[in-house]
Every structure is written in structure tokens, then in C-alpha cells.
Amino acid sequence: MRKLMKSSKDKSLFGVCGGIAEFFGISSLVVRLIFIITCPASFWVYIILAASLTEKPSL
């Protein structure tokens, strides 16, 4: 079973968008654009995810 985690490689701030992109198999640019377009509501979602998600171990 896959688990949503922050990305350790594809990150700008905390790796939330990169982790979401890796989980769904899409480009992190698309996820970042969605977060920007849906701001300010997505700002709070990002903060909650940044605080609650664990970081994916780098291999």
C-alpha cells in the first residue's frame, strides 16, 4: 500500500507538492499550479500537510 509522504528530492519549501505529485504520478509543476490557483484556501491545506506528513527517506 502506498502512503502519501513529503518528497525528499522534489521540494521547493517542504516537499508537499512533490510528494503529492509522486503519489499520483503526475508532474509537480501541475500540483504547484493547482495550489497557486486555489490560494488562499490551499495555503491552509499546505500548512496542515507540511506539519502532518512524514518525509520520504532518501535512498
PDB file of N, CA and C in Angstrom:
ATOM      1  N   MET A   1       0.838  -1.181   0.000  1.00  0.00           N
ATOM      2  CA  MET A   1       0.000   0.000   0.000  1.00  0.00           C
ATOM      3  C   MET A   1       0.884   1.246   0.000  1.00  0.00           C
ATOM      4  N   ARG A   2       0.595   2.164  -0.908  1.00  0.00           N
ATOM      5  CA  ARG A   2       1.352   3.411  -0.986  1.00  0.00           C
ATOM      6  C   ARG A   2       0.867   4.370   0.084  1.00  0.00           C
ATOM      7  N   LYS A   3       1.770   5.213   0.531  1.00  0.00           N
ATOM      8  CA  LYS A   3       1.447   6.187   1.560  1.00  0.00           C
ATOM      9  C   LYS A   3       1.888   7.566   1.089  1.00  0.00           C
ATOM     10  N   LEU A   4       1.051   8.562   1.327  1.00  0.00           N
ATOM     11  CA  LEU A   4       1.379   9.934   0.962  1.00  0.00           C
ATOM     12  C   LEU A   4       2.443  10.456   1.915  1.00  0.00           C
ATOM     13  N   MET A   5       3.573  10.892   1.353  1.00  0.00           N
ATOM     14  CA  MET A   5       4.691  11.409   2.140  1.00  0.00           C
ATOM     15  C   MET A   5       5.272  12.629   1.439  1.00  0.00           C
ATOM     16  N   LYS A   6       5.964  13.471   2.203  1.00  0.00           N
ATOM     17  CA  LYS A   6       6.659  14.602   1.603  1.00  0.00           C
ATOM     18  C   LYS A   6       7.847  14.067   0.795  1.00  0.00           C
ATOM     19  N   SER A   7       8.122  14.723  -0.303  1.00  0.00           N
ATOM     20  CA  SER A   7       9.240  14.317  -1.151  1.00  0.00           C
ATOM     21  C   SER A   7      10.556  14.825  -0.570  1.00  0.00           C
ATOM     22  N   SER A   8      11.571  13.986  -0.628  1.00  0.00           N
ATOM     23  CA  SER A   8      12.892  14.414  -0.171  1.00  0.00           C
ATOM     24  C   SER A   8      13.743  14.942  -1.325  1.00  0.00           C
ATOM     25  N   LYS A   9      13.324  14.684  -2.557  1.00  0.00           N
ATOM     26  CA  LYS A   9      14.089  15.104  -3.726  1.00  0.00           C
ATOM     27  C   LYS A   9      13.449  16.285  -4.451  1.00  0.00           C
ATOM     28  N   ASP A  10      12.130  16.238  -4.636  1.00  0.00           N
ATOM     29  CA  ASP A  10      11.415  17.249  -5.406  1.00  0.00           C
ATOM     30  C   ASP A  10      10.712  18.203  -4.450  1.00  0.00           C
ATOM     31  N   LYS A  11      11.461  19.173  -3.922  1.00  0.00           N
ATOM     32  CA  LYS A  11      10.842  20.098  -2.984  1.00  0.00           C
ATOM     33  C   LYS A  11      11.325  21.516  -3.207  1.00  0.00           C
ATOM     34  N   SER A  12      10.393  22.438  -3.004  1.00  0.00           N
ATOM     35  CA  SER A  12      10.729  23.859  -3.046  1.00  0.00           C
ATOM     36  C   SER A  12      10.761  24.414  -1.631  1.00  0.00           C
ATOM     37  N   LEU A  13       9.700  24.128  -0.869  1.00  0.00           N
ATOM     38  CA  LEU A  13       9.670  24.562   0.524  1.00  0.00           C
ATOM     39  C   LEU A  13       9.779  23.360   1.458  1.00  0.00           C
ATOM     40  N   PHE A  14       8.698  22.580   1.534  1.00  0.00           N
ATOM     41  CA  PHE A  14       8.667  21.449   2.460  1.00  0.00           C
ATOM     42  C   PHE A  14       8.528  20.099   1.761  1.00  0.00           C
ATOM     43  N   GLY A  15       8.307  20.082   0.461  1.00  0.00           N
ATOM     44  CA  GLY A  15       8.181  18.837  -0.275  1.00  0.00           C
ATOM     45  C   GLY A  15       6.774  18.301  -0.371  1.00  0.00           C
ATOM     46  N   VAL A  16       5.785  19.114   0.021  1.00  0.00           N
ATOM     47  CA  VAL A  16       4.391  18.657  -0.002  1.00  0.00           C
ATOM     48  C   VAL A  16       3.910  18.453  -1.439  1.00  0.00           C
ATOM     49  N   CYS A  17       4.098  19.435  -2.291  1.00  0.00           N
ATOM     50  CA  CYS A  17       3.638  19.321  -3.683  1.00  0.00           C
ATOM     51  C   CYS A  17       4.382  18.206  -4.419  1.00  0.00           C
ATOM     52  N   GLY A  18       5.662  18.076  -4.164  1.00  0.00           N
ATOM     53  CA  GLY A  18       6.430  16.986  -4.772  1.00  0.00           C
ATOM     54  C   GLY A  18       5.947  15.634  -4.308  1.00  0.00           C
ATOM     55  N   GLY A  19       5.591  15.517  -3.039  1.00  0.00           N
ATOM     56  CA  GLY A  19       5.067  14.262  -2.512  1.00  0.00           C
ATOM     57  C   GLY A  19       3.711  13.902  -3.103  1.00  0.00           C
ATOM     58  N   ILE A  20       2.850  14.913  -3.252  1.00  0.00           N
ATOM     59  CA  ILE A  20       1.540  14.680  -3.873  1.00  0.00           C
ATOM     60  C   ILE A  20       1.725  14.252  -5.322  1.00  0.00           C
ATOM     61  N   ALA A  21       2.640  14.907  -6.024  1.00  0.00           N
ATOM     62  CA  ALA A  21       2.903  14.567  -7.427  1.00  0.00           C
ATOM     63  C   ALA A  21       3.431  13.139  -7.560  1.00  0.00           C
ATOM     64  N   GLU A  22       4.341  12.733  -6.679  1.00  0.00           N
ATOM     65  CA  GLU A  22       4.867  11.369  -6.713  1.00  0.00           C
ATOM     66  C   GLU A  22       3.774  10.351  -6.404  1.00  0.00           C
ATOM     67  N   PHE A  23       2.888  10.684  -5.471  1.00  0.00           N
ATOM     68  CA  PHE A  23       1.816   9.774  -5.075  1.00  0.00           C
ATOM     69  C   PHE A  23       0.865   9.514  -6.246  1.00  0.00           C
ATOM     70  N   PHE A  24       0.502  10.579  -6.992  1.00  0.00           N
ATOM     71  CA  PHE A  24      -0.437  10.434  -8.101  1.00  0.00           C
ATOM     72  C   PHE A  24       0.247  10.188  -9.447  1.00  0.00           C
ATOM     73  N   GLY A  25       1.569  10.263  -9.495  1.00  0.00           N
ATOM     74  CA  GLY A  25       2.287  10.003 -10.730  1.00  0.00           C
ATOM     75  C   GLY A  25       2.142  11.109 -11.761  1.00  0.00           C
ATOM     76  N   ILE A  26       2.082  12.359 -11.298  1.00  0.00           N
ATOM     77  CA  ILE A  26       1.961  13.495 -12.207  1.00  0.00           C
ATOM     78  C   ILE A  26       3.119  14.456 -11.952  1.00  0.00           C
ATOM     79  N   SER A  27       3.193  15.490 -12.763  1.00  0.00           N
ATOM     80  CA  SER A  27       4.259  16.482 -12.634  1.00  0.00           C
ATOM     81  C   SER A  27       4.031  17.355 -11.397  1.00  0.00           C
ATOM     82  N   SER A  28       5.106  17.649 -10.698  1.00  0.00           N
ATOM     83  CA  SER A  28       4.981  18.510  -9.519  1.00  0.00           C
ATOM     84  C   SER A  28       4.626  19.941  -9.924  1.00  0.00           C
ATOM     85  N   LEU A  29       4.954  20.337 -11.137  1.00  0.00           N
ATOM     86  CA  LEU A  29       4.581  21.666 -11.625  1.00  0.00           C
ATOM     87  C   LEU A  29       3.064  21.812 -11.666  1.00  0.00           C
ATOM     88  N   VAL A  30       2.370  20.770 -12.091  1.00  0.00           N
ATOM     89  CA  VAL A  30       0.908  20.791 -12.142  1.00  0.00           C
ATOM     90  C   VAL A  30       0.333  20.959 -10.740  1.00  0.00           C
ATOM     91  N   VAL A  31       0.869  20.231  -9.787  1.00  0.00           N
ATOM     92  CA  VAL A  31       0.382  20.316  -8.403  1.00  0.00           C
ATOM     93  C   VAL A  31       0.646  21.709  -7.848  1.00  0.00           C
ATOM     94  N   ARG A  32       1.816  22.258  -8.109  1.00  0.00           N
ATOM     95  CA  ARG A  32       2.138  23.598  -7.627  1.00  0.00           C
ATOM     96  C   ARG A  32       1.215  24.651  -8.242  1.00  0.00           C
ATOM     97  N   LEU A  33       0.915  24.512  -9.532  1.00  0.00           N
ATOM     98  CA  LEU A  33      -0.003  25.451 -10.190  1.00  0.00           C
ATOM     99  C   LEU A  33      -1.405  25.368  -9.586  1.00  0.00           C
ATOM    100  N   ILE A  34      -1.857  24.162  -9.274  1.00  0.00           N
ATOM    101  CA  ILE A  34      -3.165  23.993  -8.637  1.00  0.00           C
ATOM    102  C   ILE A  34      -3.177  24.680  -7.282  1.00  0.00           C
ATOM    103  N   PHE A  35      -2.114  24.522  -6.507  1.00  0.00           N
ATOM    104  CA  PHE A  35      -2.033  25.179  -5.206  1.00  0.00           C
ATOM    105  C   PHE A  35      -2.037  26.699  -5.357  1.00  0.00           C
ATOM    106  N   ILE A  36      -1.375  27.221  -6.374  1.00  0.00           N
ATOM    107  CA  ILE A  36      -1.339  28.668  -6.587  1.00  0.00           C
ATOM    108  C   ILE A  36      -2.699  29.190  -7.029  1.00  0.00           C
ATOM    109  N   ILE A  37      -3.360  28.480  -7.936  1.00  0.00           N
ATOM    110  CA  ILE A  37      -4.656  28.912  -8.450  1.00  0.00           C
ATOM    111  C   ILE A  37      -5.721  28.903  -7.357  1.00  0.00           C
ATOM    112  N   THR A  38      -5.668  27.938  -6.466  1.00  0.00           N
ATOM    113  CA  THR A  38      -6.697  27.804  -5.435  1.00  0.00           C
ATOM    114  C   THR A  38      -6.343  28.518  -4.137  1.00  0.00           C
ATOM    115  N   CYS A  39      -5.317  29.342  -4.165  1.00  0.00           N
ATOM    116  CA  CYS A  39      -4.925  30.106  -2.976  1.00  0.00           C
ATOM    117  C   CYS A  39      -6.020  31.118  -2.660  1.00  0.00           C
ATOM    118  N   PRO A  40      -6.363  31.443  -1.484  1.00  0.00           N
ATOM    119  CA  PRO A  40      -5.755  31.242  -0.187  1.00  0.00           C
ATOM    120  C   PRO A  40      -6.198  29.973   0.544  1.00  0.00           C
ATOM    121  N   ALA A  41      -7.236  29.288   0.059  1.00  0.00           N
ATOM    122  CA  ALA A  41      -7.697  28.073   0.743  1.00  0.00           C
ATOM    123  C   ALA A  41      -6.610  27.002   0.758  1.00  0.00           C
ATOM    124  N   SER A  42      -5.884  26.873  -0.330  1.00  0.00           N
ATOM    125  CA  SER A  42      -4.848  25.843  -0.402  1.00  0.00           C
ATOM    126  C   SER A  42      -3.669  26.146   0.520  1.00  0.00           C
ATOM    127  N   PHE A  43      -3.513  27.401   0.900  1.00  0.00           N
ATOM    128  CA  PHE A  43      -2.446  27.774   1.826  1.00  0.00           C
ATOM    129  C   PHE A  43      -2.585  27.016   3.135  1.00  0.00           C
ATOM    130  N   TRP A  44      -3.800  26.957   3.675  1.00  0.00           N
ATOM    131  CA  TRP A  44      -4.044  26.257   4.942  1.00  0.00           C
ATOM    132  C   TRP A  44      -3.888  24.754   4.782  1.00  0.00           C
ATOM    133  N   VAL A  45      -4.305  24.221   3.649  1.00  0.00           N
ATOM    134  CA  VAL A  45      -4.126  22.789   3.380  1.00  0.00           C
ATOM    135  C   VAL A  45      -2.645  22.465   3.324  1.00  0.00           C
ATOM    136  N   TYR A  46      -1.859  23.325   2.666  1.00  0.00           N
ATOM    137  CA  TYR A  46      -0.418  23.119   2.559  1.00  0.00           C
ATOM    138  C   TYR A  46       0.241  23.127   3.940  1.00  0.00           C
ATOM    139  N   ILE A  47      -0.137  24.076   4.787  1.00  0.00           N
ATOM    140  CA  ILE A  47       0.437  24.180   6.135  1.00  0.00           C
ATOM    141  C   ILE A  47       0.122  22.926   6.947  1.00  0.00           C
ATOM    142  N   ILE A  48      -1.122  22.455   6.863  1.00  0.00           N
ATOM    143  CA  ILE A  48      -1.520  21.248   7.602  1.00  0.00           C
ATOM    144  C   ILE A  48      -0.760  20.035   7.099  1.00  0.00           C
ATOM    145  N   LEU A  49      -0.636  19.890   5.773  1.00  0.00           N
ATOM    146  CA  LEU A  49       0.095  18.752   5.211  1.00  0.00           C
ATOM    147  C   LEU A  49       1.585  18.826   5.545  1.00  0.00           C
ATOM    148  N   ALA A  50       2.163  20.019   5.517  1.00  0.00           N
ATOM    149  CA  ALA A  50       3.577  20.168   5.843  1.00  0.00           C
ATOM    150  C   ALA A  50       3.861  19.742   7.282  1.00  0.00           C
ATOM    151  N   ALA A  51       2.908  20.012   8.159  1.00  0.00           N
ATOM    152  CA  ALA A  51       3.097  19.659   9.568  1.00  0.00           C
ATOM    153  C   ALA A  51       2.810  18.195   9.854  1.00  0.00           C
ATOM    154  N   SER A  52       1.913  17.588   9.083  1.00  0.00           N
ATOM    155  CA  SER A  52       1.473  16.227   9.433  1.00  0.00           C
ATOM    156  C   SER A  52       2.129  15.098   8.630  1.00  0.00           C
ATOM    157  N   LEU A  53       2.596  15.376   7.422  1.00  0.00           N
ATOM    158  CA  LEU A  53       3.198  14.326   6.608  1.00  0.00           C
ATOM    159  C   LEU A  53       4.628  14.049   7.047  1.00  0.00           C
ATOM    160  N   THR A  54       5.000  12.789   6.954  1.00  0.00           N
ATOM    161  CA  THR A  54       6.392  12.417   7.226  1.00  0.00           C
ATOM    162  C   THR A  54       7.193  12.526   5.935  1.00  0.00           C
ATOM    163  N   GLU A  55       8.496  12.725   6.075  1.00  0.00           N
ATOM    164  CA  GLU A  55       9.332  12.850   4.888  1.00  0.00           C
ATOM    165  C   GLU A  55       9.757  11.471   4.404  1.00  0.00           C
ATOM    166  N   LYS A  56       9.710  11.308   3.090  1.00  0.00           N
ATOM    167  CA  LYS A  56      10.111  10.066   2.457  1.00  0.00           C
ATOM    168  C   LYS A  56      11.619   9.898   2.617  1.00  0.00           C
ATOM    169  N   PRO A  57      12.072   8.738   3.079  1.00  0.00           N
ATOM    170  CA  PRO A  57      13.520   8.550   3.227  1.00  0.00           C
ATOM    171  C   PRO A  57      14.223   8.574   1.874  1.00  0.00           C
ATOM    172  N   SER A  58      15.326   9.282   1.787  1.00  0.00           N
ATOM    173  CA  SER A  58      16.077   9.332   0.540  1.00  0.00           C
ATOM    174  C   SER A  58      16.949   8.102   0.426  1.00  0.00           C
ATOM    175  N   LEU A  59      16.973   7.531  -0.761  1.00  0.00           N
ATOM    176  CA  LEU A  59      17.747   6.308  -0.988  1.00  0.00           C
ATOM    177  C   LEU A  59      18.947   6.584  -1.845  1.00  0.00           C
TER     178      LEU A  59
END
